[in-house]
N, C-alpha and C. Protein backbone atom coordinates (compact mmCIF):
# COMPACT_ATOMS: atom_id res chain seq x y z
N MET A 1 81.59 6.46 -14.48
CA MET A 1 80.95 7.65 -14.82
C MET A 1 80.04 8.08 -13.67
N ILE A 2 80.18 9.27 -13.31
CA ILE A 2 79.45 9.83 -12.21
C ILE A 2 78.43 10.80 -12.78
N ASP A 3 77.18 10.53 -12.45
CA ASP A 3 76.11 11.45 -12.89
C ASP A 3 75.96 12.55 -11.85
N ASP A 4 75.76 13.67 -12.40
CA ASP A 4 75.54 14.79 -11.49
C ASP A 4 74.17 14.63 -10.83
N PRO A 5 74.11 14.91 -9.54
CA PRO A 5 72.80 14.79 -8.89
C PRO A 5 71.81 15.80 -9.46
N LYS A 6 70.62 15.28 -9.66
CA LYS A 6 69.55 16.12 -10.21
C LYS A 6 68.44 16.25 -9.17
N PRO A 7 67.81 17.39 -9.15
CA PRO A 7 66.70 17.53 -8.20
C PRO A 7 65.54 16.63 -8.62
N PRO A 8 64.73 16.20 -7.64
CA PRO A 8 63.60 15.33 -8.00
C PRO A 8 62.62 16.06 -8.91
N LEU A 9 61.93 15.25 -9.68
CA LEU A 9 60.94 15.80 -10.59
C LEU A 9 59.78 16.39 -9.77
N THR A 10 59.36 17.52 -10.15
CA THR A 10 58.23 18.14 -9.45
C THR A 10 56.98 18.00 -10.29
N THR A 11 55.89 17.74 -9.60
CA THR A 11 54.61 17.69 -10.28
C THR A 11 53.70 18.70 -9.57
N THR A 12 52.94 19.35 -10.31
CA THR A 12 52.00 20.29 -9.72
C THR A 12 50.62 19.67 -9.76
N THR A 13 49.90 19.80 -8.66
CA THR A 13 48.54 19.29 -8.59
C THR A 13 47.61 20.44 -8.88
N SER A 14 46.73 20.22 -9.81
CA SER A 14 45.81 21.27 -10.21
C SER A 14 44.55 21.20 -9.34
N LEU A 15 44.08 22.35 -8.92
CA LEU A 15 42.82 22.44 -8.17
C LEU A 15 41.62 22.57 -9.10
N LEU A 16 41.89 22.57 -10.38
CA LEU A 16 40.82 22.75 -11.35
C LEU A 16 39.76 21.65 -11.29
N PRO A 17 40.09 20.36 -11.17
CA PRO A 17 39.02 19.34 -11.09
C PRO A 17 38.14 19.53 -9.84
N ALA A 18 38.75 19.85 -8.71
CA ALA A 18 37.97 20.06 -7.48
C ALA A 18 37.07 21.28 -7.62
N ALA A 19 37.59 22.32 -8.21
CA ALA A 19 36.79 23.53 -8.42
C ALA A 19 35.65 23.27 -9.40
N ALA A 20 35.88 22.42 -10.38
CA ALA A 20 34.83 22.08 -11.34
C ALA A 20 33.70 21.33 -10.65
N VAL A 21 34.04 20.39 -9.77
CA VAL A 21 33.01 19.64 -9.03
C VAL A 21 32.22 20.58 -8.13
N LEU A 22 32.92 21.47 -7.43
CA LEU A 22 32.24 22.44 -6.57
C LEU A 22 31.34 23.37 -7.39
N GLY A 23 31.86 23.82 -8.54
CA GLY A 23 31.06 24.68 -9.41
C GLY A 23 29.82 23.97 -9.93
N LEU A 24 29.95 22.70 -10.31
CA LEU A 24 28.81 21.91 -10.80
C LEU A 24 27.77 21.74 -9.68
N ALA A 25 28.23 21.49 -8.46
CA ALA A 25 27.30 21.35 -7.32
C ALA A 25 26.55 22.66 -7.09
N MET A 26 27.22 23.77 -7.17
CA MET A 26 26.55 25.06 -6.97
C MET A 26 25.52 25.32 -8.07
N VAL A 27 25.88 24.99 -9.30
CA VAL A 27 24.94 25.18 -10.42
C VAL A 27 23.71 24.32 -10.22
N MET A 28 23.90 23.05 -9.81
CA MET A 28 22.75 22.15 -9.59
C MET A 28 21.88 22.67 -8.45
N LEU A 29 22.50 23.15 -7.38
CA LEU A 29 21.74 23.68 -6.25
C LEU A 29 20.89 24.87 -6.69
N ILE A 30 21.47 25.76 -7.45
CA ILE A 30 20.73 26.94 -7.92
C ILE A 30 19.60 26.53 -8.85
N VAL A 31 19.84 25.56 -9.74
CA VAL A 31 18.81 25.10 -10.67
C VAL A 31 17.63 24.50 -9.90
N PHE A 32 17.92 23.66 -8.90
CA PHE A 32 16.83 23.04 -8.15
C PHE A 32 16.10 24.03 -7.26
N LEU A 33 16.80 25.04 -6.74
CA LEU A 33 16.12 26.08 -5.97
C LEU A 33 15.16 26.87 -6.85
N VAL A 34 15.57 27.17 -8.07
CA VAL A 34 14.70 27.88 -9.00
C VAL A 34 13.49 27.02 -9.36
N ILE A 35 13.72 25.74 -9.63
CA ILE A 35 12.61 24.84 -9.94
C ILE A 35 11.63 24.79 -8.77
N ASN A 36 12.14 24.71 -7.55
CA ASN A 36 11.29 24.66 -6.37
C ASN A 36 10.48 25.94 -6.22
N LEU A 37 11.10 27.08 -6.44
CA LEU A 37 10.37 28.35 -6.34
C LEU A 37 9.28 28.47 -7.39
N VAL A 38 9.57 28.00 -8.60
CA VAL A 38 8.59 28.11 -9.69
C VAL A 38 7.44 27.13 -9.49
N ALA A 39 7.76 25.91 -9.08
CA ALA A 39 6.74 24.85 -8.99
C ALA A 39 6.04 24.78 -7.64
N ASP A 40 6.47 25.55 -6.65
CA ASP A 40 5.88 25.48 -5.32
C ASP A 40 4.43 25.96 -5.34
N GLN A 41 3.55 25.10 -4.85
CA GLN A 41 2.13 25.45 -4.79
C GLN A 41 1.71 25.84 -3.39
N GLY A 42 2.61 25.78 -2.44
CA GLY A 42 2.28 26.11 -1.06
C GLY A 42 1.53 24.97 -0.40
N VAL A 43 1.24 25.16 0.84
CA VAL A 43 0.51 24.15 1.61
C VAL A 43 -0.97 24.48 1.52
N SER A 44 -1.73 23.52 1.06
CA SER A 44 -3.17 23.75 0.98
C SER A 44 -3.81 23.29 2.28
N LYS A 45 -4.59 24.14 2.87
CA LYS A 45 -5.27 23.82 4.12
C LYS A 45 -6.48 22.96 3.79
N GLU A 46 -6.53 21.82 4.46
CA GLU A 46 -7.64 20.90 4.25
C GLU A 46 -8.86 21.44 4.97
N THR A 47 -9.93 21.59 4.24
CA THR A 47 -11.16 22.07 4.86
C THR A 47 -12.15 20.92 4.93
N THR A 48 -12.65 20.72 6.10
CA THR A 48 -13.64 19.67 6.29
C THR A 48 -14.85 20.28 6.99
N THR A 49 -15.95 19.68 6.79
CA THR A 49 -17.14 20.13 7.49
C THR A 49 -17.59 19.00 8.40
N ILE A 50 -18.01 19.36 9.57
CA ILE A 50 -18.51 18.38 10.53
C ILE A 50 -19.95 18.09 10.17
N PRO A 51 -20.27 16.81 9.97
CA PRO A 51 -21.64 16.50 9.61
C PRO A 51 -22.61 16.78 10.76
N VAL A 52 -23.80 17.10 10.41
CA VAL A 52 -24.85 17.30 11.40
C VAL A 52 -25.41 15.93 11.74
N VAL A 53 -25.37 15.60 13.02
CA VAL A 53 -25.87 14.31 13.46
C VAL A 53 -27.37 14.46 13.74
N VAL A 54 -28.16 13.71 13.02
CA VAL A 54 -29.61 13.79 13.15
C VAL A 54 -30.07 12.80 14.21
N GLY A 55 -30.93 13.25 15.08
CA GLY A 55 -31.42 12.39 16.15
C GLY A 55 -30.45 12.41 17.31
N GLY A 56 -30.85 11.89 18.41
CA GLY A 56 -29.97 11.86 19.57
C GLY A 56 -29.81 13.22 20.20
N LEU A 57 -28.75 13.38 20.96
CA LEU A 57 -28.50 14.63 21.66
C LEU A 57 -27.97 15.69 20.71
N GLN A 58 -28.30 16.92 20.99
CA GLN A 58 -27.81 18.03 20.19
C GLN A 58 -26.53 18.58 20.82
N ARG A 59 -25.63 19.05 19.97
CA ARG A 59 -24.37 19.62 20.43
C ARG A 59 -24.60 21.04 20.92
N ASP A 60 -23.99 21.38 22.04
CA ASP A 60 -24.07 22.73 22.59
C ASP A 60 -23.16 23.62 21.76
N THR A 61 -23.72 24.58 21.04
CA THR A 61 -22.95 25.44 20.16
C THR A 61 -22.55 26.75 20.82
N THR A 62 -23.06 27.02 22.01
CA THR A 62 -22.69 28.24 22.71
C THR A 62 -21.42 27.99 23.51
N PRO A 63 -20.61 29.02 23.68
CA PRO A 63 -19.40 28.83 24.49
C PRO A 63 -19.77 28.40 25.90
N THR A 64 -19.06 27.43 26.40
CA THR A 64 -19.38 26.91 27.72
C THR A 64 -18.13 26.89 28.59
N LEU A 65 -18.33 27.02 29.86
CA LEU A 65 -17.23 26.96 30.81
C LEU A 65 -17.01 25.55 31.32
N ALA A 66 -17.85 24.61 30.94
CA ALA A 66 -17.81 23.27 31.50
C ALA A 66 -16.47 22.58 31.26
N LEU A 67 -15.90 22.70 30.08
CA LEU A 67 -14.63 22.03 29.79
C LEU A 67 -13.45 23.00 29.75
N LYS A 68 -13.63 24.19 30.25
CA LYS A 68 -12.59 25.21 30.17
C LYS A 68 -11.36 24.83 31.00
N TYR A 69 -11.54 24.11 32.08
CA TYR A 69 -10.41 23.76 32.94
C TYR A 69 -9.33 23.02 32.16
N CYS A 70 -9.71 22.04 31.37
CA CYS A 70 -8.72 21.26 30.61
C CYS A 70 -8.18 22.02 29.41
N LEU A 71 -8.89 23.03 28.96
CA LEU A 71 -8.43 23.82 27.81
C LEU A 71 -7.61 25.04 28.22
N GLN A 72 -7.47 25.30 29.52
CA GLN A 72 -6.80 26.52 29.94
C GLN A 72 -5.31 26.51 29.67
N THR A 73 -4.72 25.35 29.54
CA THR A 73 -3.30 25.29 29.22
C THR A 73 -3.13 25.24 27.71
N GLU A 74 -1.94 25.53 27.28
CA GLU A 74 -1.66 25.50 25.85
C GLU A 74 -1.07 24.14 25.43
N GLU A 75 -1.25 23.14 26.27
CA GLU A 75 -0.69 21.83 25.98
C GLU A 75 -1.51 21.03 24.98
N VAL A 76 -2.77 21.35 24.84
CA VAL A 76 -3.63 20.59 23.94
C VAL A 76 -3.42 21.12 22.51
N PRO A 77 -2.95 20.26 21.59
CA PRO A 77 -2.73 20.72 20.21
C PRO A 77 -4.02 21.14 19.53
N SER A 78 -3.89 21.97 18.51
CA SER A 78 -5.06 22.52 17.82
C SER A 78 -5.93 21.43 17.20
N ASN A 79 -5.34 20.36 16.69
CA ASN A 79 -6.16 19.34 16.07
C ASN A 79 -6.79 18.38 17.09
N ILE A 80 -6.46 18.53 18.34
CA ILE A 80 -7.04 17.71 19.41
C ILE A 80 -8.16 18.46 20.11
N ALA A 81 -8.12 19.78 20.08
CA ALA A 81 -9.12 20.59 20.77
C ALA A 81 -10.53 20.39 20.23
N ASP A 82 -10.66 19.75 19.06
CA ASP A 82 -12.00 19.50 18.52
C ASP A 82 -12.78 18.46 19.33
N ALA A 83 -12.12 17.80 20.26
CA ALA A 83 -12.80 16.82 21.11
C ALA A 83 -13.62 17.48 22.21
N PHE A 84 -13.41 18.77 22.43
CA PHE A 84 -14.10 19.47 23.51
C PHE A 84 -15.49 19.90 23.06
N VAL A 85 -16.35 18.93 22.88
CA VAL A 85 -17.75 19.18 22.53
C VAL A 85 -18.62 18.64 23.66
N LEU A 86 -19.76 19.27 23.82
CA LEU A 86 -20.69 18.87 24.88
C LEU A 86 -22.09 18.80 24.34
N PRO A 87 -22.90 17.90 24.89
CA PRO A 87 -24.32 17.92 24.55
C PRO A 87 -25.01 19.06 25.30
N VAL A 88 -26.13 19.50 24.76
CA VAL A 88 -26.92 20.56 25.39
C VAL A 88 -27.35 20.09 26.78
N GLY A 89 -27.31 21.00 27.74
CA GLY A 89 -27.75 20.69 29.10
C GLY A 89 -26.66 20.14 29.98
N THR A 90 -25.40 20.32 29.62
CA THR A 90 -24.29 19.79 30.41
C THR A 90 -23.72 20.88 31.31
N GLU A 91 -23.50 20.52 32.56
CA GLU A 91 -22.95 21.44 33.56
C GLU A 91 -21.87 20.70 34.36
N PRO A 92 -20.84 21.42 34.82
CA PRO A 92 -19.84 20.78 35.68
C PRO A 92 -20.44 20.46 37.05
N THR A 93 -20.03 19.33 37.63
CA THR A 93 -20.50 18.97 38.96
C THR A 93 -19.46 19.31 40.03
N SER A 94 -18.21 19.43 39.64
CA SER A 94 -17.14 19.88 40.53
C SER A 94 -15.99 20.38 39.67
N VAL A 95 -14.95 20.86 40.31
CA VAL A 95 -13.81 21.41 39.59
C VAL A 95 -13.01 20.27 38.95
N GLY A 96 -12.49 20.53 37.76
CA GLY A 96 -11.66 19.56 37.08
C GLY A 96 -10.36 19.32 37.81
N SER A 97 -9.58 18.36 37.32
CA SER A 97 -8.34 18.00 38.00
C SER A 97 -7.29 17.58 37.00
N THR A 98 -6.05 17.89 37.31
CA THR A 98 -4.90 17.36 36.57
C THR A 98 -4.15 16.47 37.55
N PRO A 99 -4.34 15.15 37.46
CA PRO A 99 -3.79 14.23 38.47
C PRO A 99 -2.29 14.35 38.71
N ASN A 100 -1.50 14.59 37.68
CA ASN A 100 -0.06 14.67 37.90
C ASN A 100 0.42 16.11 38.01
N SER A 101 -0.49 17.05 38.13
CA SER A 101 -0.19 18.48 38.31
C SER A 101 0.79 19.02 37.28
N GLY A 102 0.69 18.55 36.06
CA GLY A 102 1.52 19.07 34.99
C GLY A 102 2.86 18.38 34.83
N ALA A 103 3.19 17.43 35.70
CA ALA A 103 4.46 16.71 35.57
C ALA A 103 4.27 15.52 34.63
N GLY A 104 5.04 15.47 33.59
CA GLY A 104 4.93 14.35 32.64
C GLY A 104 3.87 14.60 31.60
N ASP A 105 3.28 13.51 31.13
CA ASP A 105 2.26 13.61 30.08
C ASP A 105 1.02 14.35 30.59
N PHE A 106 0.39 15.10 29.69
CA PHE A 106 -0.81 15.85 30.04
C PHE A 106 -1.94 14.89 30.38
N ASP A 107 -2.66 15.18 31.46
CA ASP A 107 -3.79 14.36 31.90
C ASP A 107 -4.75 15.28 32.64
N CYS A 108 -6.00 15.32 32.18
CA CYS A 108 -6.99 16.20 32.79
C CYS A 108 -8.36 15.55 32.72
N TYR A 109 -9.14 15.69 33.79
CA TYR A 109 -10.51 15.20 33.74
C TYR A 109 -11.44 16.18 34.44
N GLU A 110 -12.70 16.14 33.99
CA GLU A 110 -13.72 17.00 34.56
C GLU A 110 -15.00 16.20 34.78
N PRO A 111 -15.54 16.22 36.00
CA PRO A 111 -16.84 15.60 36.27
C PRO A 111 -17.97 16.50 35.78
N LEU A 112 -18.90 15.91 35.06
CA LEU A 112 -20.00 16.67 34.46
C LEU A 112 -21.32 15.95 34.68
N ALA A 113 -22.41 16.66 34.44
CA ALA A 113 -23.75 16.09 34.49
C ALA A 113 -24.54 16.65 33.32
N THR A 114 -25.30 15.79 32.67
CA THR A 114 -26.14 16.21 31.54
C THR A 114 -27.58 15.84 31.86
N ALA A 115 -28.46 16.84 31.75
CA ALA A 115 -29.88 16.63 32.02
C ALA A 115 -30.59 16.13 30.77
N ASN A 116 -31.74 15.53 30.97
CA ASN A 116 -32.63 15.08 29.89
C ASN A 116 -31.98 14.06 28.96
N THR A 117 -31.20 13.16 29.50
CA THR A 117 -30.61 12.08 28.71
C THR A 117 -30.27 10.91 29.62
N ASN A 118 -29.68 9.89 29.03
CA ASN A 118 -29.24 8.73 29.80
C ASN A 118 -27.84 8.32 29.31
N GLY A 119 -27.25 7.33 29.96
CA GLY A 119 -25.89 6.91 29.64
C GLY A 119 -25.68 6.48 28.19
N PRO A 120 -26.51 5.56 27.67
CA PRO A 120 -26.31 5.14 26.28
C PRO A 120 -26.43 6.29 25.27
N SER A 121 -27.35 7.21 25.51
CA SER A 121 -27.49 8.34 24.59
C SER A 121 -26.26 9.23 24.63
N LEU A 122 -25.69 9.42 25.81
CA LEU A 122 -24.48 10.23 25.94
C LEU A 122 -23.32 9.58 25.18
N LEU A 123 -23.13 8.28 25.36
CA LEU A 123 -22.04 7.59 24.66
C LEU A 123 -22.26 7.60 23.15
N ASN A 124 -23.50 7.45 22.71
CA ASN A 124 -23.80 7.53 21.27
C ASN A 124 -23.50 8.92 20.72
N PHE A 125 -23.78 9.96 21.52
CA PHE A 125 -23.46 11.33 21.12
C PHE A 125 -21.96 11.46 20.84
N TYR A 126 -21.14 10.98 21.78
CA TYR A 126 -19.69 11.09 21.60
C TYR A 126 -19.18 10.18 20.49
N ASN A 127 -19.77 9.00 20.34
CA ASN A 127 -19.35 8.13 19.23
C ASN A 127 -19.53 8.86 17.90
N ALA A 128 -20.68 9.50 17.71
CA ALA A 128 -20.96 10.19 16.45
C ALA A 128 -20.11 11.44 16.30
N GLN A 129 -20.03 12.26 17.34
CA GLN A 129 -19.32 13.54 17.26
C GLN A 129 -17.81 13.36 17.09
N LEU A 130 -17.20 12.49 17.87
CA LEU A 130 -15.75 12.35 17.81
C LEU A 130 -15.30 11.58 16.57
N GLU A 131 -16.05 10.56 16.17
CA GLU A 131 -15.66 9.84 14.95
C GLU A 131 -15.78 10.74 13.73
N ALA A 132 -16.73 11.67 13.73
CA ALA A 132 -16.85 12.62 12.62
C ALA A 132 -15.67 13.59 12.60
N ARG A 133 -14.98 13.74 13.71
CA ARG A 133 -13.83 14.64 13.82
C ARG A 133 -12.50 13.90 13.68
N GLY A 134 -12.54 12.64 13.30
CA GLY A 134 -11.31 11.89 13.05
C GLY A 134 -10.78 11.10 14.23
N TRP A 135 -11.54 11.00 15.30
CA TRP A 135 -11.13 10.20 16.45
C TRP A 135 -11.53 8.75 16.20
N ASN A 136 -10.70 7.81 16.67
CA ASN A 136 -10.99 6.39 16.50
C ASN A 136 -11.43 5.79 17.83
N LEU A 137 -12.60 5.19 17.83
CA LEU A 137 -13.09 4.49 19.02
C LEU A 137 -12.32 3.18 19.12
N PHE A 138 -11.59 2.99 20.21
CA PHE A 138 -10.81 1.76 20.34
C PHE A 138 -11.19 0.90 21.54
N SER A 139 -12.06 1.41 22.40
CA SER A 139 -12.46 0.60 23.55
C SER A 139 -13.83 1.03 24.04
N LYS A 140 -14.63 0.05 24.44
CA LYS A 140 -15.93 0.30 25.05
C LYS A 140 -15.99 -0.48 26.35
N GLY A 141 -16.47 0.18 27.41
CA GLY A 141 -16.62 -0.48 28.70
C GLY A 141 -15.36 -0.40 29.54
N ALA A 142 -15.51 0.04 30.79
CA ALA A 142 -14.38 0.16 31.71
C ALA A 142 -14.16 -1.16 32.45
N SER A 143 -13.00 -1.29 33.06
CA SER A 143 -12.69 -2.52 33.80
C SER A 143 -13.56 -2.66 35.04
N ASN A 144 -14.13 -1.55 35.53
CA ASN A 144 -15.02 -1.63 36.69
C ASN A 144 -16.47 -1.88 36.30
N GLY A 145 -16.72 -2.09 35.00
CA GLY A 145 -18.06 -2.41 34.52
C GLY A 145 -18.91 -1.20 34.17
N LYS A 146 -18.42 -0.01 34.38
CA LYS A 146 -19.18 1.20 34.05
C LYS A 146 -19.13 1.44 32.55
N PRO A 147 -20.20 2.02 31.99
CA PRO A 147 -20.18 2.34 30.56
C PRO A 147 -19.10 3.38 30.25
N GLN A 148 -18.32 3.10 29.21
CA GLN A 148 -17.21 3.98 28.87
C GLN A 148 -16.88 3.83 27.39
N SER A 149 -16.42 4.92 26.78
CA SER A 149 -15.89 4.89 25.42
C SER A 149 -14.55 5.61 25.44
N LEU A 150 -13.54 4.99 24.80
CA LEU A 150 -12.22 5.59 24.69
C LEU A 150 -11.91 5.84 23.22
N PHE A 151 -11.45 7.04 22.92
CA PHE A 151 -11.13 7.44 21.56
C PHE A 151 -9.67 7.85 21.48
N GLN A 152 -9.05 7.62 20.33
CA GLN A 152 -7.64 7.97 20.14
C GLN A 152 -7.46 8.76 18.86
N LYS A 153 -6.53 9.71 18.90
CA LYS A 153 -6.20 10.50 17.71
C LYS A 153 -4.75 10.98 17.82
N ALA A 154 -4.06 11.00 16.70
CA ALA A 154 -2.69 11.51 16.67
C ALA A 154 -2.71 13.02 16.67
N GLY A 155 -1.99 13.62 17.60
CA GLY A 155 -1.92 15.06 17.67
C GLY A 155 -0.82 15.60 16.76
N ASN A 156 -0.91 16.86 16.41
CA ASN A 156 0.14 17.44 15.58
C ASN A 156 1.37 17.81 16.41
N ASP A 157 1.42 17.35 17.67
CA ASP A 157 2.59 17.53 18.52
C ASP A 157 3.44 16.27 18.57
N GLY A 158 3.06 15.23 17.82
CA GLY A 158 3.84 13.99 17.79
C GLY A 158 3.39 12.94 18.78
N PHE A 159 2.34 13.21 19.55
CA PHE A 159 1.85 12.25 20.53
C PHE A 159 0.45 11.79 20.16
N TYR A 160 0.07 10.62 20.67
CA TYR A 160 -1.31 10.19 20.58
C TYR A 160 -2.05 10.76 21.77
N TRP A 161 -3.31 11.12 21.54
CA TRP A 161 -4.16 11.65 22.59
C TRP A 161 -5.36 10.74 22.75
N VAL A 162 -5.82 10.57 23.98
CA VAL A 162 -6.95 9.71 24.29
C VAL A 162 -8.00 10.53 25.01
N VAL A 163 -9.25 10.38 24.57
CA VAL A 163 -10.40 10.99 25.25
C VAL A 163 -11.25 9.85 25.78
N GLY A 164 -11.59 9.95 27.05
CA GLY A 164 -12.43 8.94 27.69
C GLY A 164 -13.71 9.56 28.21
N ILE A 165 -14.82 8.94 27.90
CA ILE A 165 -16.13 9.35 28.41
C ILE A 165 -16.62 8.20 29.27
N THR A 166 -16.72 8.43 30.58
CA THR A 166 -17.10 7.38 31.52
C THR A 166 -18.35 7.80 32.27
N VAL A 167 -19.39 6.98 32.17
CA VAL A 167 -20.65 7.24 32.87
C VAL A 167 -20.52 6.70 34.29
N SER A 168 -20.73 7.58 35.28
CA SER A 168 -20.64 7.13 36.67
C SER A 168 -22.00 6.83 37.28
N LYS A 169 -23.04 7.57 36.85
CA LYS A 169 -24.39 7.33 37.37
C LYS A 169 -25.38 7.75 36.30
N SER A 170 -26.35 6.90 36.04
CA SER A 170 -27.31 7.21 34.99
C SER A 170 -28.72 6.90 35.46
N SER A 171 -29.62 7.83 35.13
CA SER A 171 -31.04 7.60 35.36
C SER A 171 -31.73 7.90 34.03
N PRO A 172 -33.02 7.62 33.90
CA PRO A 172 -33.68 7.90 32.62
C PRO A 172 -33.68 9.38 32.24
N ARG A 173 -33.48 10.31 33.20
CA ARG A 173 -33.57 11.73 32.88
C ARG A 173 -32.27 12.51 33.06
N SER A 174 -31.22 11.89 33.58
CA SER A 174 -29.94 12.60 33.73
C SER A 174 -28.80 11.59 33.84
N VAL A 175 -27.60 12.08 33.60
CA VAL A 175 -26.43 11.22 33.67
C VAL A 175 -25.26 12.01 34.25
N ASP A 176 -24.57 11.41 35.20
CA ASP A 176 -23.31 11.95 35.73
C ASP A 176 -22.19 11.21 35.03
N TRP A 177 -21.19 11.95 34.57
CA TRP A 177 -20.14 11.33 33.79
C TRP A 177 -18.85 12.13 33.90
N THR A 178 -17.77 11.56 33.39
CA THR A 178 -16.46 12.20 33.44
C THR A 178 -15.89 12.30 32.04
N PHE A 179 -15.40 13.49 31.71
CA PHE A 179 -14.66 13.73 30.47
C PHE A 179 -13.19 13.74 30.84
N ARG A 180 -12.42 12.85 30.22
CA ARG A 180 -10.98 12.79 30.51
C ARG A 180 -10.20 12.84 29.21
N ILE A 181 -9.16 13.64 29.19
CA ILE A 181 -8.28 13.72 28.02
C ILE A 181 -6.85 13.61 28.53
N TYR A 182 -6.08 12.75 27.86
CA TYR A 182 -4.68 12.63 28.25
C TYR A 182 -3.80 12.33 27.06
N GLN A 183 -2.54 12.69 27.24
CA GLN A 183 -1.52 12.49 26.22
C GLN A 183 -0.91 11.12 26.45
N ASN A 184 -0.90 10.32 25.40
CA ASN A 184 -0.33 8.98 25.50
C ASN A 184 0.98 8.96 24.74
N SER A 185 2.08 8.73 25.44
CA SER A 185 3.38 8.76 24.78
C SER A 185 3.68 7.48 24.02
N GLU A 186 2.77 6.53 24.04
CA GLU A 186 2.96 5.28 23.30
C GLU A 186 1.73 5.04 22.43
N THR A 187 1.89 4.19 21.44
CA THR A 187 0.76 3.84 20.60
C THR A 187 -0.08 2.80 21.31
N ILE A 188 -1.34 2.71 20.92
CA ILE A 188 -2.24 1.73 21.53
C ILE A 188 -2.43 0.58 20.58
């Protein structure tokens, strides 16, 4: 007995299950977008007040040109610029400098002099002012034996920033010192 050849059985694949999964995903996406829009409270700006430091040196509240050299570029993030504070009676002794001339990590220093104070009072001023602004004091004293304080803070640009206050010459009535700020691409 010879059977007549029959064509193979055909099966049709339905796209309905795939479309159902895609439709469910779209519905979930829309539901969560609506929930996000309804429940979104926005970003609240943190407001802090800088405490008034009683005793010691007073902060210069008038605009000053003394630290303008390091602030002239837009490389210093907004949350790092709060380190640019000076005690009353501070004047630049020479022009500031960017040692690497803008190549690589930001690095800037300015030689300054403050009248009517001494080295320890100047360092205490910065300890109080910068710690109140969220800077962490991580080192005291330079390798050359000069009085120095180093502070660190994370910038909103993804880098750590370091501020160094180094006393180069101190007398009972005045102090010569250097303000240095640089971008540290590594953690300390």
